[in-house]
Amino acid sequence: MESVERSVRYPPDGRKRLRVRSRAEARAEDGSVDTSHSLSPRMLVPACVSQRINTMTSFARTRTFRTALLTGLLALGSAAAQAQPAPSEADILKALSPAQQPLTRSLSIGPRSGSESGAIGEDRGFLDSLRNRTSFSPAERERIAAASADKQSIDLEIPFDYASATIGPKALPLVKSLGGALAQLKNNTFLVVGHTDGKGHDKTNQALSERRAEAVRQYIIQNYGVPPANIVAVGYGKSRPKDSSNPLAAVNRRVTAVNMSAVKSASRF
């Protein structure tokens, strides 16, 4: 600590007063030091404190840099995931084409039992009842979902505008790819299934998913020569999200194409 100097001065009123000055102040008043660039004694910081402040500042800067770097890497990863190309016509065709069943000596090749044949006939009758319809009851939608669970399918994130069922410029390329693929499989029966994300009311999303599925169906019928009876459009609103942990995720806003004539595993059809 800097030492101090005490001095006694006698002001004009004659009263004696004691003034306490620091050495720095005394030297300044005596003209022995230039105070124009000097620091106040209160601004003097011990070396150990200054070193600690510098260390803390350096650590804070390093942590800020690491946080910014991590944020940037996450943003790049998200952008890369979103930048993945949409499925091509060949991709869709491959996903929906019936799998080639190898010839084996399995018992499944033999004659079917009467009960199994009856179940197949019943399911085919239900599928036929769906043709050329544009709306279905909740019970029918549940049965459609169960019947299509083991069929060849592909999810397509068709970029419709918000709350719109119009096939705009952004959505058109993927719809064309789907139409080109279905045209090569036109003797099969397909479902075009609409889904929305979890935002909004149930009834609004249900109606929107149905309109979008029907818009895709109509475009393919009109432009690719697929028989109307061979494409069934159905919507599920927000009831069947692809990513249930994040109902608002973009992957939930999709159209699924299902080939009801192509079985990817054991099925009643």
Foldseek 3Di string as FASTA:
>chain_A
DFDKDWDWDQDPVRDIDIDIGTPVVVCVVVVNDDCPPDDDPVPDDDPVVVVVVVVVVVVVVVVVVVVVVVVVVVVVVVVVVVPDDFDFLVRQLVQQPADDDDDDPDPVVDDDDPVLVVLLVVVVVLLLVQFPDQADDPVNVVVVCVLQVQFRKDKGLQDDPPLDLDRDPSRVNVLVSNLVSCLVVLVFAKEKEFEAFDPDDQVSQQVSRSSNQVNSLVVSVVPRVRDRRRYGYHYDGQPDAPDPVHRHDSSRGIIMMGGSVHGNDDHSD
